[in-house]
């Protein structure tokens, strides 16, 4: 099982599932983070938090704890 936290800068991944629940799940879906979405990791901060990701045509930043809850397949 690979999470978004494990994806290296420059790699692209497809979302397999989102383990977030409650209001955060709705927020993720509104941002386009759902099964089948293509994510490209742009950069990771020196201490690993936050992680900048390209989703569709915009950049998002995720905390390490959020990235651990996004299950992906690297392509």
PDB file of N, CA and C in Angstrom:
ATOM      1  N   UNK A   1       0.844  -1.178   0.000  1.00  0.00           N
ATOM      2  CA  UNK A   1       0.000   0.000   0.000  1.00  0.00           C
ATOM      3  C   UNK A   1       0.887   1.238   0.000  1.00  0.00           C
ATOM      4  N   UNK A   2       0.707   2.097  -0.998  1.00  0.00           N
ATOM      5  CA  UNK A   2       1.487   3.324  -1.120  1.00  0.00           C
ATOM      6  C   UNK A   2       0.589   4.508  -0.812  1.00  0.00           C
ATOM      7  N   UNK A   3       1.099   5.448  -0.041  1.00  0.00           N
ATOM      8  CA  UNK A   3       0.330   6.647   0.263  1.00  0.00           C
ATOM      9  C   UNK A   3       0.944   7.841  -0.454  1.00  0.00           C
ATOM     10  N   UNK A   4       0.223   8.921  -0.504  1.00  0.00           N
ATOM     11  CA  UNK A   4       0.726  10.131  -1.138  1.00  0.00           C
ATOM     12  C   UNK A   4       2.013  10.601  -0.465  1.00  0.00           C
ATOM     13  N   UNK A   5       2.159  10.331   0.804  1.00  0.00           N
ATOM     14  CA  UNK A   5       3.364  10.717   1.537  1.00  0.00           C
ATOM     15  C   UNK A   5       4.610  10.040   0.965  1.00  0.00           C
ATOM     16  N   UNK A   6       4.462   8.865   0.374  1.00  0.00           N
ATOM     17  CA  UNK A   6       5.584   8.085  -0.142  1.00  0.00           C
ATOM     18  C   UNK A   6       5.988   8.467  -1.572  1.00  0.00           C
ATOM     19  N   UNK A   7       5.183   9.273  -2.246  1.00  0.00           N
ATOM     20  CA  UNK A   7       5.463   9.652  -3.635  1.00  0.00           C
ATOM     21  C   UNK A   7       6.540  10.737  -3.648  1.00  0.00           C
ATOM     22  N   UNK A   8       7.525  10.554  -4.504  1.00  0.00           N
ATOM     23  CA  UNK A   8       8.661  11.480  -4.601  1.00  0.00           C
ATOM     24  C   UNK A   8       8.333  12.642  -5.540  1.00  0.00           C
ATOM     25  N   UNK A   9       8.986  13.794  -5.342  1.00  0.00           N
ATOM     26  CA  UNK A   9       8.773  14.924  -6.251  1.00  0.00           C
ATOM     27  C   UNK A   9       9.039  14.529  -7.705  1.00  0.00           C
ATOM     28  N   UNK A  10       8.150  14.947  -8.591  1.00  0.00           N
ATOM     29  CA  UNK A  10       8.258  14.621 -10.009  1.00  0.00           C
ATOM     30  C   UNK A  10       7.469  13.391 -10.405  1.00  0.00           C
ATOM     31  N   UNK A  11       7.086  12.552  -9.438  1.00  0.00           N
ATOM     32  CA  UNK A  11       6.316  11.346  -9.746  1.00  0.00           C
ATOM     33  C   UNK A  11       4.832  11.671  -9.828  1.00  0.00           C
ATOM     34  N   UNK A  12       4.135  10.881 -10.622  1.00  0.00           N
ATOM     35  CA  UNK A  12       2.688  11.011 -10.782  1.00  0.00           C
ATOM     36  C   UNK A  12       2.028   9.765 -10.202  1.00  0.00           C
ATOM     37  N   UNK A  13       0.869   9.959  -9.590  1.00  0.00           N
ATOM     38  CA  UNK A  13       0.148   8.840  -8.983  1.00  0.00           C
ATOM     39  C   UNK A  13      -1.346   9.003  -9.231  1.00  0.00           C
ATOM     40  N   UNK A  14      -2.046   7.869  -9.228  1.00  0.00           N
ATOM     41  CA  UNK A  14      -3.498   7.866  -9.330  1.00  0.00           C
ATOM     42  C   UNK A  14      -4.073   7.511  -7.965  1.00  0.00           C
ATOM     43  N   UNK A  15      -5.096   8.237  -7.549  1.00  0.00           N
ATOM     44  CA  UNK A  15      -5.724   7.979  -6.252  1.00  0.00           C
ATOM     45  C   UNK A  15      -6.492   6.668  -6.331  1.00  0.00           C
ATOM     46  N   UNK A  16      -6.218   5.773  -5.381  1.00  0.00           N
ATOM     47  CA  UNK A  16      -6.931   4.500  -5.286  1.00  0.00           C
ATOM     48  C   UNK A  16      -8.084   4.627  -4.291  1.00  0.00           C
ATOM     49  N   UNK A  17      -7.825   5.276  -3.147  1.00  0.00           N
ATOM     50  CA  UNK A  17      -8.877   5.517  -2.163  1.00  0.00           C
ATOM     51  C   UNK A  17      -8.456   6.635  -1.226  1.00  0.00           C
ATOM     52  N   UNK A  18      -9.462   7.208  -0.582  1.00  0.00           N
ATOM     53  CA  UNK A  18      -9.231   8.276   0.390  1.00  0.00           C
ATOM     54  C   UNK A  18      -9.763   7.783   1.721  1.00  0.00           C
ATOM     55  N   UNK A  19      -8.894   7.691   2.714  1.00  0.00           N
ATOM     56  CA  UNK A  19      -9.253   7.143   4.016  1.00  0.00           C
ATOM     57  C   UNK A  19      -9.787   8.197   4.986  1.00  0.00           C
ATOM     58  N   UNK A  20      -9.911   9.436   4.538  1.00  0.00           N
ATOM     59  CA  UNK A  20     -10.388  10.533   5.374  1.00  0.00           C
ATOM     60  C   UNK A  20     -11.891  10.395   5.564  1.00  0.00           C
ATOM     61  N   UNK A  21     -12.387  10.781   6.739  1.00  0.00           N
ATOM     62  CA  UNK A  21     -13.824  10.700   7.016  1.00  0.00           C
ATOM     63  C   UNK A  21     -14.354  12.064   7.438  1.00  0.00           C
ATOM     64  N   UNK A  22     -15.660  12.175   7.509  1.00  0.00           N
ATOM     65  CA  UNK A  22     -16.300  13.386   7.997  1.00  0.00           C
ATOM     66  C   UNK A  22     -16.198  14.555   7.042  1.00  0.00           C
ATOM     67  N   UNK A  23     -16.125  15.765   7.622  1.00  0.00           N
ATOM     68  CA  UNK A  23     -16.080  16.984   6.828  1.00  0.00           C
ATOM     69  C   UNK A  23     -14.841  17.044   5.946  1.00  0.00           C
ATOM     70  N   UNK A  24     -13.733  16.503   6.432  1.00  0.00           N
ATOM     71  CA  UNK A  24     -12.490  16.523   5.660  1.00  0.00           C
ATOM     72  C   UNK A  24     -12.659  15.750   4.355  1.00  0.00           C
ATOM     73  N   UNK A  25     -13.415  14.673   4.355  1.00  0.00           N
ATOM     74  CA  UNK A  25     -13.643  13.891   3.133  1.00  0.00           C
ATOM     75  C   UNK A  25     -14.357  14.748   2.081  1.00  0.00           C
ATOM     76  N   UNK A  26     -15.366  15.478   2.509  1.00  0.00           N
ATOM     77  CA  UNK A  26     -16.080  16.366   1.594  1.00  0.00           C
ATOM     78  C   UNK A  26     -15.173  17.458   1.050  1.00  0.00           C
ATOM     79  N   UNK A  27     -14.287  17.975   1.897  1.00  0.00           N
ATOM     80  CA  UNK A  27     -13.344  19.010   1.473  1.00  0.00           C
ATOM     81  C   UNK A  27     -12.383  18.453   0.437  1.00  0.00           C
ATOM     82  N   UNK A  28     -11.879  17.227   0.673  1.00  0.00           N
ATOM     83  CA  UNK A  28     -10.972  16.583  -0.283  1.00  0.00           C
ATOM     84  C   UNK A  28     -11.674  16.382  -1.627  1.00  0.00           C
ATOM     85  N   UNK A  29     -12.909  15.897  -1.591  1.00  0.00           N
ATOM     86  CA  UNK A  29     -13.644  15.649  -2.833  1.00  0.00           C
ATOM     87  C   UNK A  29     -13.890  16.954  -3.582  1.00  0.00           C
ATOM     88  N   UNK A  30     -14.174  18.025  -2.867  1.00  0.00           N
ATOM     89  CA  UNK A  30     -14.388  19.329  -3.501  1.00  0.00           C
ATOM     90  C   UNK A  30     -13.119  19.818  -4.198  1.00  0.00           C
ATOM     91  N   UNK A  31     -11.961  19.405  -3.685  1.00  0.00           N
ATOM     92  CA  UNK A  31     -10.682  19.795  -4.284  1.00  0.00           C
ATOM     93  C   UNK A  31     -10.275  18.858  -5.415  1.00  0.00           C
ATOM     94  N   UNK A  32     -11.055  17.805  -5.661  1.00  0.00           N
ATOM     95  CA  UNK A  32     -10.746  16.878  -6.744  1.00  0.00           C
ATOM     96  C   UNK A  32      -9.966  15.657  -6.316  1.00  0.00           C
ATOM     97  N   UNK A  33      -9.819  15.435  -5.013  1.00  0.00           N
ATOM     98  CA  UNK A  33      -9.090  14.267  -4.508  1.00  0.00           C
ATOM     99  C   UNK A  33     -10.099  13.136  -4.320  1.00  0.00           C
ATOM    100  N   UNK A  34     -10.240  12.309  -5.350  1.00  0.00           N
ATOM    101  CA  UNK A  34     -11.159  11.174  -5.300  1.00  0.00           C
ATOM    102  C   UNK A  34     -10.572  10.045  -6.144  1.00  0.00           C
ATOM    103  N   UNK A  35     -11.152   8.875  -6.051  1.00  0.00           N
ATOM    104  CA  UNK A  35     -10.639   7.709  -6.773  1.00  0.00           C
ATOM    105  C   UNK A  35     -10.482   8.028  -8.258  1.00  0.00           C
ATOM    106  N   UNK A  36      -9.289   7.707  -8.786  1.00  0.00           N
ATOM    107  CA  UNK A  36      -9.000   7.919 -10.190  1.00  0.00           C
ATOM    108  C   UNK A  36      -8.342   9.254 -10.512  1.00  0.00           C
ATOM    109  N   UNK A  37      -8.292  10.162  -9.545  1.00  0.00           N
ATOM    110  CA  UNK A  37      -7.674  11.476  -9.791  1.00  0.00           C
ATOM    111  C   UNK A  37      -6.167  11.319  -9.985  1.00  0.00           C
ATOM    112  N   UNK A  38      -5.602  12.083 -10.911  1.00  0.00           N
ATOM    113  CA  UNK A  38      -4.160  12.060 -11.185  1.00  0.00           C
ATOM    114  C   UNK A  38      -3.503  13.179 -10.387  1.00  0.00           C
ATOM    115  N   UNK A  39      -2.502  12.811  -9.591  1.00  0.00           N
ATOM    116  CA  UNK A  39      -1.769  13.761  -8.754  1.00  0.00           C
ATOM    117  C   UNK A  39      -0.298  13.738  -9.141  1.00  0.00           C
ATOM    118  N   UNK A  40       0.327  14.889  -9.189  1.00  0.00           N
ATOM    119  CA  UNK A  40       1.766  14.966  -9.423  1.00  0.00           C
ATOM    120  C   UNK A  40       2.386  15.722  -8.255  1.00  0.00           C
ATOM    121  N   UNK A  41       3.352  15.087  -7.595  1.00  0.00           N
ATOM    122  CA  UNK A  41       4.025  15.741  -6.478  1.00  0.00           C
ATOM    123  C   UNK A  41       5.031  16.738  -7.045  1.00  0.00           C
ATOM    124  N   UNK A  42       4.871  17.995  -6.667  1.00  0.00           N
ATOM    125  CA  UNK A  42       5.738  19.066  -7.147  1.00  0.00           C
ATOM    126  C   UNK A  42       6.967  19.186  -6.253  1.00  0.00           C
ATOM    127  N   UNK A  43       6.728  19.318  -4.945  1.00  0.00           N
ATOM    128  CA  UNK A  43       7.855  19.383  -4.016  1.00  0.00           C
ATOM    129  C   UNK A  43       7.414  19.020  -2.615  1.00  0.00           C
ATOM    130  N   UNK A  44       8.400  18.660  -1.808  1.00  0.00           N
ATOM    131  CA  UNK A  44       8.182  18.303  -0.416  1.00  0.00           C
ATOM    132  C   UNK A  44       9.072  19.210   0.420  1.00  0.00           C
ATOM    133  N   UNK A  45       8.525  19.786   1.463  1.00  0.00           N
ATOM    134  CA  UNK A  45       9.294  20.662   2.335  1.00  0.00           C
ATOM    135  C   UNK A  45      10.435  19.868   2.987  1.00  0.00           C
ATOM    136  N   UNK A  46      11.501  20.547   3.422  1.00  0.00           N
ATOM    137  CA  UNK A  46      12.674  19.854   3.982  1.00  0.00           C
ATOM    138  C   UNK A  46      12.360  18.854   5.101  1.00  0.00           C
ATOM    139  N   UNK A  47      11.390  19.148   5.937  1.00  0.00           N
ATOM    140  CA  UNK A  47      11.046  18.218   7.012  1.00  0.00           C
ATOM    141  C   UNK A  47       9.880  17.301   6.630  1.00  0.00           C
ATOM    142  N   UNK A  48       9.488  17.325   5.351  1.00  0.00           N
ATOM    143  CA  UNK A  48       8.435  16.432   4.867  1.00  0.00           C
ATOM    144  C   UNK A  48       7.034  16.962   5.045  1.00  0.00           C
ATOM    145  N   UNK A  49       6.894  18.183   5.506  1.00  0.00           N
ATOM    146  CA  UNK A  49       5.574  18.731   5.782  1.00  0.00           C
ATOM    147  C   UNK A  49       5.564  20.214   5.467  1.00  0.00           C
ATOM    148  N   UNK A  50       4.829  20.718   4.523  1.00  0.00           N
ATOM    149  CA  UNK A  50       3.786  20.094   3.709  1.00  0.00           C
ATOM    150  C   UNK A  50       4.323  19.514   2.402  1.00  0.00           C
ATOM    151  N   UNK A  51       3.408  18.875   1.678  1.00  0.00           N
ATOM    152  CA  UNK A  51       3.703  18.291   0.374  1.00  0.00           C
ATOM    153  C   UNK A  51       2.879  19.061  -0.650  1.00  0.00           C
ATOM    154  N   UNK A  52       3.536  19.611  -1.675  1.00  0.00           N
ATOM    155  CA  UNK A  52       2.827  20.359  -2.721  1.00  0.00           C
ATOM    156  C   UNK A  52       2.507  19.422  -3.872  1.00  0.00           C
ATOM    157  N   UNK A  53       1.238  19.416  -4.284  1.00  0.00           N
ATOM    158  CA  UNK A  53       0.737  18.482  -5.290  1.00  0.00           C
ATOM    159  C   UNK A  53      -0.027  19.244  -6.374  1.00  0.00           C
ATOM    160  N   UNK A  54       0.170  18.844  -7.633  1.00  0.00           N
ATOM    161  CA  UNK A  54      -0.598  19.391  -8.749  1.00  0.00           C
ATOM    162  C   UNK A  54      -1.804  18.488  -8.983  1.00  0.00           C
ATOM    163  N   UNK A  55      -2.994  19.069  -8.902  1.00  0.00           N
ATOM    164  CA  UNK A  55      -4.247  18.351  -9.141  1.00  0.00           C
ATOM    165  C   UNK A  55      -4.979  19.122 -10.224  1.00  0.00           C
ATOM    166  N   UNK A  56      -5.261  18.463 -11.335  1.00  0.00           N
ATOM    167  CA  UNK A  56      -5.861  19.115 -12.503  1.00  0.00           C
ATOM    168  C   UNK A  56      -4.975  20.286 -12.897  1.00  0.00           C
ATOM    169  N   UNK A  57      -5.406  21.517 -12.710  1.00  0.00           N
ATOM    170  CA  UNK A  57      -4.593  22.657 -13.131  1.00  0.00           C
ATOM    171  C   UNK A  57      -4.207  23.563 -11.969  1.00  0.00           C
ATOM    172  N   UNK A  58      -4.300  23.067 -10.737  1.00  0.00           N
ATOM    173  CA  UNK A  58      -3.953  23.903  -9.594  1.00  0.00           C
ATOM    174  C   UNK A  58      -3.128  23.132  -8.572  1.00  0.00           C
ATOM    175  N   UNK A  59      -2.389  23.872  -7.758  1.00  0.00           N
ATOM    176  CA  UNK A  59      -1.518  23.272  -6.748  1.00  0.00           C
ATOM    177  C   UNK A  59      -2.208  23.268  -5.388  1.00  0.00           C
ATOM    178  N   UNK A  60      -2.045  22.167  -4.680  1.00  0.00           N
ATOM    179  CA  UNK A  60      -2.553  22.021  -3.316  1.00  0.00           C
ATOM    180  C   UNK A  60      -1.405  21.619  -2.415  1.00  0.00           C
ATOM    181  N   UNK A  61      -1.515  21.961  -1.146  1.00  0.00           N
ATOM    182  CA  UNK A  61      -0.529  21.512  -0.163  1.00  0.00           C
ATOM    183  C   UNK A  61      -1.243  20.652   0.860  1.00  0.00           C
ATOM    184  N   UNK A  62      -0.611  19.534   1.200  1.00  0.00           N
ATOM    185  CA  UNK A  62      -1.162  18.613   2.181  1.00  0.00           C
ATOM    186  C   UNK A  62      -0.209  18.447   3.340  1.00  0.00           C
ATOM    187  N   UNK A  63      -0.749  18.343   4.531  1.00  0.00           N
ATOM    188  CA  UNK A  63       0.060  17.974   5.685  1.00  0.00           C
ATOM    189  C   UNK A  63       0.439  16.505   5.541  1.00  0.00           C
ATOM    190  N   UNK A  64       1.510  16.120   6.212  1.00  0.00           N
ATOM    191  CA  UNK A  64       1.964  14.731   6.153  1.00  0.00           C
ATOM    192  C   UNK A  64       0.858  13.787   6.648  1.00  0.00           C
ATOM    193  N   UNK A  65       0.147  14.177   7.699  1.00  0.00           N
ATOM    194  CA  UNK A  65      -0.916  13.320   8.238  1.00  0.00           C
ATOM    195  C   UNK A  65      -2.065  13.146   7.249  1.00  0.00           C
ATOM    196  N   UNK A  66      -2.348  14.189   6.457  1.00  0.00           N
ATOM    197  CA  UNK A  66      -3.392  14.085   5.425  1.00  0.00           C
ATOM    198  C   UNK A  66      -2.907  13.202   4.280  1.00  0.00           C
ATOM    199  N   UNK A  67      -1.660  13.383   3.869  1.00  0.00           N
ATOM    200  CA  UNK A  67      -1.096  12.612   2.757  1.00  0.00           C
ATOM    201  C   UNK A  67      -1.054  11.121   3.083  1.00  0.00           C
ATOM    202  N   UNK A  68      -0.907  10.775   4.349  1.00  0.00           N
ATOM    203  CA  UNK A  68      -0.878   9.358   4.751  1.00  0.00           C
ATOM    204  C   UNK A  68      -2.237   8.687   4.574  1.00  0.00           C
ATOM    205  N   UNK A  69      -3.291   9.468   4.444  1.00  0.00           N
ATOM    206  CA  UNK A  69      -4.635   8.926   4.324  1.00  0.00           C
ATOM    207  C   UNK A  69      -5.122   8.847   2.878  1.00  0.00           C
ATOM    208  N   UNK A  70      -4.248   9.211   1.941  1.00  0.00           N
ATOM    209  CA  UNK A  70      -4.585   9.136   0.515  1.00  0.00           C
ATOM    210  C   UNK A  70      -3.788   7.979  -0.089  1.00  0.00           C
ATOM    211  N   UNK A  71      -4.467   6.899  -0.428  1.00  0.00           N
ATOM    212  CA  UNK A  71      -3.844   5.706  -0.972  1.00  0.00           C
ATOM    213  C   UNK A  71      -3.736   5.888  -2.494  1.00  0.00           C
ATOM    214  N   UNK A  72      -2.523   5.665  -3.039  1.00  0.00           N
ATOM    215  CA  UNK A  72      -2.283   5.912  -4.465  1.00  0.00           C
ATOM    216  C   UNK A  72      -1.556   4.745  -5.123  1.00  0.00           C
ATOM    217  N   UNK A  73      -1.575   4.763  -6.449  1.00  0.00           N
ATOM    218  CA  UNK A  73      -0.768   3.861  -7.273  1.00  0.00           C
ATOM    219  C   UNK A  73       0.133   4.742  -8.128  1.00  0.00           C
ATOM    220  N   UNK A  74       1.426   4.561  -8.030  1.00  0.00           N
ATOM    221  CA  UNK A  74       2.368   5.363  -8.806  1.00  0.00           C
ATOM    222  C   UNK A  74       2.335   4.907 -10.252  1.00  0.00           C
ATOM    223  N   UNK A  75       2.267   5.872 -11.181  1.00  0.00           N
ATOM    224  CA  UNK A  75       2.244   5.538 -12.622  1.00  0.00           C
ATOM    225  C   UNK A  75       3.520   5.983 -13.288  1.00  0.00           C
TER     226      UNK A  75
END
